[in-house]
PDB file of N, CA and C in Angstrom:
ATOM      1  N   MET A   1     224.614 251.573 114.819  1.00  0.00           N
ATOM      2  CA  MET A   1     224.098 250.280 115.236  1.00  0.00           C
ATOM      3  C   MET A   1     223.640 249.485 114.013  1.00  0.00           C
ATOM      4  N   THR A   2     223.706 248.203 114.141  1.00  0.00           N
ATOM      5  CA  THR A   2     223.198 247.328 113.083  1.00  0.00           C
ATOM      6  C   THR A   2     221.756 246.946 113.412  1.00  0.00           C
ATOM      7  N   TRP A   3     221.091 246.311 112.450  1.00  0.00           N
ATOM      8  CA  TRP A   3     219.696 245.954 112.665  1.00  0.00           C
ATOM      9  C   TRP A   3     219.556 244.885 113.744  1.00  0.00           C
ATOM     10  N   THR A   4     220.595 244.055 113.960  1.00  0.00           N
ATOM     11  CA  THR A   4     220.502 243.038 115.012  1.00  0.00           C
ATOM     12  C   THR A   4     220.540 243.677 116.401  1.00  0.00           C
ATOM     13  N   TYR A   5     221.337 244.707 116.560  1.00  0.00           N
ATOM     14  CA  TYR A   5     221.351 245.422 117.829  1.00  0.00           C
ATOM     15  C   TYR A   5     220.038 246.168 118.057  1.00  0.00           C
ATOM     16  N   CYS A   6     219.455 246.633 116.971  1.00  0.00           N
ATOM     17  CA  CYS A   6     218.154 247.300 117.089  1.00  0.00           C
ATOM     18  C   CYS A   6     217.080 246.314 117.528  1.00  0.00           C
ATOM     19  N   LEU A   7     217.117 245.110 116.982  1.00  0.00           N
ATOM     20  CA  LEU A   7     216.151 244.090 117.402  1.00  0.00           C
ATOM     21  C   LEU A   7     216.391 243.652 118.844  1.00  0.00           C
ATOM     22  N   LYS A   8     217.634 243.744 119.281  1.00  0.00           N
ATOM     23  CA  LYS A   8     217.948 243.416 120.668  1.00  0.00           C
ATOM     24  C   LYS A   8     217.250 244.374 121.639  1.00  0.00           C
ATOM     25  N   SER A   9     216.990 245.591 121.171  1.00  0.00           N
ATOM     26  CA  SER A   9     216.324 246.565 122.039  1.00  0.00           C
ATOM     27  C   SER A   9     214.891 246.155 122.365  1.00  0.00           C
ATOM     28  N   LEU A  10     214.344 245.202 121.614  1.00  0.00           N
ATOM     29  CA  LEU A  10     213.003 244.694 121.923  1.00  0.00           C
ATOM     30  C   LEU A  10     212.996 243.809 123.162  1.00  0.00           C
ATOM     31  N   ILE A  11     214.130 243.182 123.464  1.00  0.00           N
ATOM     32  CA  ILE A  11     214.167 242.268 124.605  1.00  0.00           C
ATOM     33  C   ILE A  11     215.053 242.766 125.744  1.00  0.00           C
ATOM     34  N   ASP A  12     215.757 243.839 125.528  1.00  0.00           N
ATOM     35  CA  ASP A  12     216.635 244.396 126.557  1.00  0.00           C
ATOM     36  C   ASP A  12     215.866 245.426 127.382  1.00  0.00           C
ATOM     37  N   PRO A  13     215.486 245.092 128.629  1.00  0.00           N
ATOM     38  CA  PRO A  13     214.682 246.029 129.415  1.00  0.00           C
ATOM     39  C   PRO A  13     215.428 247.289 129.838  1.00  0.00           C
ATOM     40  N   PHE A  14     216.738 247.328 129.673  1.00  0.00           N
ATOM     41  CA  PHE A  14     217.502 248.507 130.053  1.00  0.00           C
ATOM     42  C   PHE A  14     217.690 249.474 128.897  1.00  0.00           C
ATOM     43  N   HIS A  15     217.086 249.160 127.757  1.00  0.00           N
ATOM     44  CA  HIS A  15     217.143 250.061 126.611  1.00  0.00           C
ATOM     45  C   HIS A  15     216.226 251.249 126.876  1.00  0.00           C
ATOM     46  N   ASN A  16     216.583 252.395 126.371  1.00  0.00           N
ATOM     47  CA  ASN A  16     215.853 253.629 126.625  1.00  0.00           C
ATOM     48  C   ASN A  16     214.401 253.584 126.145  1.00  0.00           C
ATOM     49  N   GLU A  17     214.140 252.951 125.014  1.00  0.00           N
ATOM     50  CA  GLU A  17     212.804 252.952 124.412  1.00  0.00           C
ATOM     51  C   GLU A  17     212.053 251.640 124.611  1.00  0.00           C
ATOM     52  N   PHE A  18     212.483 250.789 125.508  1.00  0.00           N
ATOM     53  CA  PHE A  18     211.900 249.459 125.687  1.00  0.00           C
ATOM     54  C   PHE A  18     210.402 249.513 125.951  1.00  0.00           C
ATOM     55  N   VAL A  19     209.978 250.279 126.916  1.00  0.00           N
ATOM     56  CA  VAL A  19     208.564 250.356 127.281  1.00  0.00           C
ATOM     57  C   VAL A  19     207.751 250.994 126.158  1.00  0.00           C
ATOM     58  N   ASN A  20     208.266 252.054 125.565  1.00  0.00           N
ATOM     59  CA  ASN A  20     207.543 252.719 124.474  1.00  0.00           C
ATOM     60  C   ASN A  20     207.335 251.796 123.283  1.00  0.00           C
ATOM     61  N   ILE A  21     208.368 251.055 122.924  1.00  0.00           N
ATOM     62  CA  ILE A  21     208.257 250.142 121.789  1.00  0.00           C
ATOM     63  C   ILE A  21     207.174 249.102 122.050  1.00  0.00           C
ATOM     64  N   TRP A  22     207.178 248.501 123.230  1.00  0.00           N
ATOM     65  CA  TRP A  22     206.189 247.453 123.521  1.00  0.00           C
ATOM     66  C   TRP A  22     204.775 248.000 123.643  1.00  0.00           C
ATOM     67  N   ILE A  23     204.622 249.203 124.140  1.00  0.00           N
ATOM     68  CA  ILE A  23     203.279 249.801 124.191  1.00  0.00           C
ATOM     69  C   ILE A  23     202.753 250.007 122.780  1.00  0.00           C
ATOM     70  N   TYR A  24     203.586 250.526 121.888  1.00  0.00           N
ATOM     71  CA  TYR A  24     203.153 250.724 120.505  1.00  0.00           C
ATOM     72  C   TYR A  24     202.869 249.392 119.811  1.00  0.00           C
ATOM     73  N   ILE A  25     203.683 248.375 120.056  1.00  0.00           N
ATOM     74  CA  ILE A  25     203.456 247.067 119.438  1.00  0.00           C
ATOM     75  C   ILE A  25     202.140 246.464 119.925  1.00  0.00           C
ATOM     76  N   ILE A  26     201.871 246.538 121.207  1.00  0.00           N
ATOM     77  CA  ILE A  26     200.636 245.959 121.758  1.00  0.00           C
ATOM     78  C   ILE A  26     199.406 246.663 121.197  1.00  0.00           C
ATOM     79  N   PHE A  27     199.427 247.981 121.168  1.00  0.00           N
ATOM     80  CA  PHE A  27     198.277 248.700 120.616  1.00  0.00           C
ATOM     81  C   PHE A  27     198.137 248.479 119.112  1.00  0.00           C
ATOM     82  N   ALA A  28     199.260 248.355 118.403  1.00  0.00           N
ATOM     83  CA  ALA A  28     199.196 248.083 116.965  1.00  0.00           C
ATOM     84  C   ALA A  28     198.559 246.728 116.704  1.00  0.00           C
ATOM     85  N   VAL A  29     198.940 245.720 117.478  1.00  0.00           N
ATOM     86  CA  VAL A  29     198.334 244.390 117.315  1.00  0.00           C
ATOM     87  C   VAL A  29     196.836 244.450 117.611  1.00  0.00           C
ATOM     88  N   TYR A  30     196.459 245.177 118.650  1.00  0.00           N
ATOM     89  CA  TYR A  30     195.041 245.318 118.988  1.00  0.00           C
ATOM     90  C   TYR A  30     194.257 245.947 117.831  1.00  0.00           C
ATOM     91  N   PHE A  31     194.768 247.022 117.255  1.00  0.00           N
ATOM     92  CA  PHE A  31     194.045 247.686 116.173  1.00  0.00           C
ATOM     93  C   PHE A  31     194.086 246.886 114.877  1.00  0.00           C
ATOM     94  N   TRP A  32     195.135 246.073 114.642  1.00  0.00           N
ATOM     95  CA  TRP A  32     195.132 245.193 113.473  1.00  0.00           C
ATOM     96  C   TRP A  32     194.050 244.125 113.627  1.00  0.00           C
ATOM     97  N   ILE A  33     193.904 243.581 114.826  1.00  0.00           N
ATOM     98  CA  ILE A  33     192.845 242.594 115.062  1.00  0.00           C
ATOM     99  C   ILE A  33     191.477 243.231 114.861  1.00  0.00           C
ATOM    100  N   GLN A  34     191.285 244.438 115.373  1.00  0.00           N
ATOM    101  CA  GLN A  34     190.016 245.129 115.189  1.00  0.00           C
ATOM    102  C   GLN A  34     189.751 245.409 113.711  1.00  0.00           C
ATOM    103  N   SER A  35     190.796 245.740 112.965  1.00  0.00           N
ATOM    104  CA  SER A  35     190.630 245.992 111.528  1.00  0.00           C
ATOM    105  C   SER A  35     190.134 244.751 110.808  1.00  0.00           C
ATOM    106  N   PHE A  36     190.688 243.598 111.151  1.00  0.00           N
ATOM    107  CA  PHE A  36     190.249 242.364 110.501  1.00  0.00           C
ATOM    108  C   PHE A  36     188.843 241.967 110.928  1.00  0.00           C
ATOM    109  N   LEU A  37     188.475 242.255 112.167  1.00  0.00           N
ATOM    110  CA  LEU A  37     187.100 241.990 112.603  1.00  0.00           C
ATOM    111  C   LEU A  37     186.112 242.883 111.860  1.00  0.00           C
ATOM    112  N   ILE A  38     186.472 244.133 111.676  1.00  0.00           N
ATOM    113  CA  ILE A  38     185.604 245.055 110.935  1.00  0.00           C
ATOM    114  C   ILE A  38     185.529 244.654 109.469  1.00  0.00           C
ATOM    115  N   LEU A  39     186.662 244.257 108.895  1.00  0.00           N
ATOM    116  CA  LEU A  39     186.688 243.840 107.499  1.00  0.00           C
ATOM    117  C   LEU A  39     185.811 242.602 107.285  1.00  0.00           C
ATOM    118  N   GLY A  40     185.774 241.708 108.259  1.00  0.00           N
ATOM    119  CA  GLY A  40     184.935 240.516 108.182  1.00  0.00           C
ATOM    120  C   GLY A  40     183.496 240.767 108.584  1.00  0.00           C
ATOM    121  N   LYS A  41     183.171 242.020 108.886  1.00  0.00           N
ATOM    122  CA  LYS A  41     181.819 242.432 109.299  1.00  0.00           C
ATOM    123  C   LYS A  41     181.306 241.585 110.464  1.00  0.00           C
ATOM    124  N   SER A  42     182.102 241.571 111.514  1.00  0.00           N
ATOM    125  CA  SER A  42     181.771 240.808 112.713  1.00  0.00           C
ATOM    126  C   SER A  42     180.482 241.335 113.341  1.00  0.00           C
ATOM    127  N   SER A  43     179.738 240.447 113.953  1.00  0.00           N
ATOM    128  CA  SER A  43     178.472 240.842 114.577  1.00  0.00           C
ATOM    129  C   SER A  43     178.694 241.578 115.898  1.00  0.00           C
ATOM    130  N   VAL A  44     179.924 241.693 116.328  1.00  0.00           N
ATOM    131  CA  VAL A  44     180.242 242.403 117.564  1.00  0.00           C
ATOM    132  C   VAL A  44     179.878 243.883 117.448  1.00  0.00           C
ATOM    133  N   TYR A  45     180.026 244.447 116.260  1.00  0.00           N
ATOM    134  CA  TYR A  45     179.854 245.878 116.075  1.00  0.00           C
ATOM    135  C   TYR A  45     178.402 246.300 115.861  1.00  0.00           C
ATOM    136  N   GLU A  46     177.585 245.450 115.277  1.00  0.00           N
ATOM    137  CA  GLU A  46     176.161 245.723 115.059  1.00  0.00           C
ATOM    138  C   GLU A  46     175.916 247.024 114.288  1.00  0.00           C
ATOM    139  N   PHE A  47     176.685 247.262 113.229  1.00  0.00           N
ATOM    140  CA  PHE A  47     176.433 248.417 112.379  1.00  0.00           C
ATOM    141  C   PHE A  47     175.242 248.132 111.476  1.00  0.00           C
ATOM    142  N   ASN A  48     174.526 249.174 111.099  1.00  0.00           N
ATOM    143  CA  ASN A  48     173.351 249.017 110.254  1.00  0.00           C
ATOM    144  C   ASN A  48     173.687 248.970 108.771  1.00  0.00           C
ATOM    145  N   ASN A  49     174.605 249.785 108.333  1.00  0.00           N
ATOM    146  CA  ASN A  49     174.926 249.928 106.912  1.00  0.00           C
ATOM    147  C   ASN A  49     176.324 249.407 106.610  1.00  0.00           C
ATOM    148  N   ASP A  50     176.547 249.074 105.336  1.00  0.00           N
ATOM    149  CA  ASP A  50     177.891 248.704 104.908  1.00  0.00           C
ATOM    150  C   ASP A  50     178.822 249.910 104.931  1.00  0.00           C
ATOM    151  N   GLU A  51     178.275 251.099 104.762  1.00  0.00           N
ATOM    152  CA  GLU A  51     179.103 252.309 104.828  1.00  0.00           C
ATOM    153  C   GLU A  51     179.708 252.487 106.216  1.00  0.00           C
ATOM    154  N   ASP A  52     178.959 252.109 107.246  1.00  0.00           N
ATOM    155  CA  ASP A  52     179.494 252.229 108.599  1.00  0.00           C
ATOM    156  C   ASP A  52     180.721 251.341 108.778  1.00  0.00           C
ATOM    157  N   TYR A  53     180.656 250.117 108.248  1.00  0.00           N
ATOM    158  CA  TYR A  53     181.822 249.232 108.306  1.00  0.00           C
ATOM    159  C   TYR A  53     182.995 249.822 107.532  1.00  0.00           C
ATOM    160  N   TYR A  54     182.697 250.414 106.383  1.00  0.00           N
ATOM    161  CA  TYR A  54     183.754 250.991 105.552  1.00  0.00           C
ATOM    162  C   TYR A  54     184.459 252.134 106.276  1.00  0.00           C
ATOM    163  N   TYR A  55     183.690 253.075 106.818  1.00  0.00           N
ATOM    164  CA  TYR A  55     184.300 254.224 107.487  1.00  0.00           C
ATOM    165  C   TYR A  55     185.050 253.812 108.753  1.00  0.00           C
ATOM    166  N   MET A  56     184.505 252.861 109.478  1.00  0.00           N
ATOM    167  CA  MET A  56     185.181 252.382 110.676  1.00  0.00           C
ATOM    168  C   MET A  56     186.466 251.635 110.313  1.00  0.00           C
ATOM    169  N   PHE A  57     186.421 250.891 109.196  1.00  0.00           N
ATOM    170  CA  PHE A  57     187.623 250.180 108.748  1.00  0.00           C
ATOM    171  C   PHE A  57     188.714 251.154 108.335  1.00  0.00           C
ATOM    172  N   VAL A  58     188.356 252.197 107.623  1.00  0.00           N
ATOM    173  CA  VAL A  58     189.354 253.178 107.176  1.00  0.00           C
ATOM    174  C   VAL A  58     190.006 253.851 108.387  1.00  0.00           C
ATOM    175  N   GLY A  59     189.221 254.247 109.360  1.00  0.00           N
ATOM    176  CA  GLY A  59     189.772 254.884 110.552  1.00  0.00           C
ATOM    177  C   GLY A  59     190.645 253.956 111.366  1.00  0.00           C
ATOM    178  N   THR A  60     190.175 252.735 111.567  1.00  0.00           N
ATOM    179  CA  THR A  60     190.932 251.763 112.353  1.00  0.00           C
ATOM    180  C   THR A  60     192.207 251.353 111.631  1.00  0.00           C
ATOM    181  N   LEU A  61     192.139 251.206 110.319  1.00  0.00           N
ATOM    182  CA  LEU A  61     193.331 250.874 109.545  1.00  0.00           C
ATOM    183  C   LEU A  61     194.361 252.004 109.622  1.00  0.00           C
ATOM    184  N   GLY A  62     193.908 253.237 109.585  1.00  0.00           N
ATOM    185  CA  GLY A  62     194.818 254.369 109.720  1.00  0.00           C
ATOM    186  C   GLY A  62     195.540 254.377 111.055  1.00  0.00           C
ATOM    187  N   ILE A  63     194.802 254.079 112.111  1.00  0.00           N
ATOM    188  CA  ILE A  63     195.415 254.020 113.443  1.00  0.00           C
ATOM    189  C   ILE A  63     196.410 252.867 113.520  1.00  0.00           C
ATOM    190  N   ALA A  64     196.036 251.705 112.974  1.00  0.00           N
ATOM    191  CA  ALA A  64     196.916 250.535 113.015  1.00  0.00           C
ATOM    192  C   ALA A  64     198.206 250.791 112.231  1.00  0.00           C
ATOM    193  N   LEU A  65     198.093 251.397 111.063  1.00  0.00           N
ATOM    194  CA  LEU A  65     199.283 251.714 110.273  1.00  0.00           C
ATOM    195  C   LEU A  65     200.176 252.725 110.981  1.00  0.00           C
ATOM    196  N   SER A  66     199.568 253.720 111.597  1.00  0.00           N
ATOM    197  CA  SER A  66     200.331 254.737 112.306  1.00  0.00           C
ATOM    198  C   SER A  66     201.086 254.143 113.502  1.00  0.00           C
ATOM    199  N   LEU A  67     200.422 253.301 114.267  1.00  0.00           N
ATOM    200  CA  LEU A  67     201.072 252.678 115.414  1.00  0.00           C
ATOM    201  C   LEU A  67     202.186 251.729 114.977  1.00  0.00           C
ATOM    202  N   SER A  68     201.954 250.992 113.892  1.00  0.00           N
ATOM    203  CA  SER A  68     202.978 250.075 113.393  1.00  0.00           C
ATOM    204  C   SER A  68     204.199 250.834 112.888  1.00  0.00           C
ATOM    205  N   ALA A  69     203.973 251.918 112.169  1.00  0.00           N
ATOM    206  CA  ALA A  69     205.088 252.719 111.660  1.00  0.00           C
ATOM    207  C   ALA A  69     205.878 253.343 112.804  1.00  0.00           C
ATOM    208  N   THR A  70     205.201 253.789 113.836  1.00  0.00           N
ATOM    209  CA  THR A  70     205.887 254.378 114.978  1.00  0.00           C
ATOM    210  C   THR A  70     206.709 253.333 115.718  1.00  0.00           C
ATOM    211  N   ALA A  71     206.157 252.129 115.881  1.00  0.00           N
ATOM    212  CA  ALA A  71     206.904 251.053 116.546  1.00  0.00           C
ATOM    213  C   ALA A  71     208.149 250.693 115.747  1.00  0.00           C
ATOM    214  N   LEU A  72     208.020 250.615 114.431  1.00  0.00           N
ATOM    215  CA  LEU A  72     209.190 250.327 113.593  1.00  0.00           C
ATOM    216  C   LEU A  72     210.217 251.450 113.677  1.00  0.00           C
ATOM    217  N   TYR A  73     209.749 252.679 113.688  1.00  0.00           N
ATOM    218  CA  TYR A  73     210.667 253.816 113.788  1.00  0.00           C
ATOM    219  C   TYR A  73     211.412 253.787 115.117  1.00  0.00           C
ATOM    220  N   LEU A  74     210.697 253.562 116.215  1.00  0.00           N
ATOM    221  CA  LEU A  74     211.346 253.539 117.516  1.00  0.00           C
ATOM    222  C   LEU A  74     212.348 252.396 117.624  1.00  0.00           C
ATOM    223  N   THR A  75     212.086 251.319 116.936  1.00  0.00           N
ATOM    224  CA  THR A  75     213.001 250.176 116.988  1.00  0.00           C
ATOM    225  C   THR A  75     214.252 250.411 116.158  1.00  0.00           C
ATOM    226  N   PHE A  76     214.096 250.990 114.968  1.00  0.00           N
ATOM    227  CA  PHE A  76     215.207 251.062 114.023  1.00  0.00           C
ATOM    228  C   PHE A  76     215.753 252.478 113.794  1.00  0.00           C
ATOM    229  N   TYR A  77     215.350 253.466 114.585  1.00  0.00           N
ATOM    230  CA  TYR A  77     215.817 254.842 114.322  1.00  0.00           C
ATOM    231  C   TYR A  77     217.301 255.014 114.563  1.00  0.00           C
ATOM    232  N   SER A  78     217.892 254.196 115.383  1.00  0.00           N
ATOM    233  CA  SER A  78     219.311 254.384 115.700  1.00  0.00           C
ATOM    234  C   SER A  78     220.244 253.880 114.604  1.00  0.00           C
ATOM    235  N   ILE A  79     219.715 253.241 113.562  1.00  0.00           N
ATOM    236  CA  ILE A  79     220.558 252.811 112.439  1.00  0.00           C
ATOM    237  C   ILE A  79     221.062 254.028 111.671  1.00  0.00           C
ATOM    238  N   GLY A  80     220.172 254.991 111.442  1.00  0.00           N
ATOM    239  CA  GLY A  80     220.524 256.146 110.617  1.00  0.00           C
ATOM    240  C   GLY A  80     221.161 257.153 111.411  1.00  0.00           C
TER     241      GLY A  80
END
């Protein structure tokens, strides 16, 4: 498959991985937004120390990167 056919799997509901890809994309976007809120030290979190923001950012960034990599893999794995 070419990369254009792989991108087509994002909009083709009859593709085998359609639901999985969109679930990973939605959760990845959610955790990227949370990462930026933590990085900006949003008052939503009410952490006491700067270390708390740092550790929460590292964990959330790890989850966001993992979900993004999995979504990309599920989308483009059929090329190789």
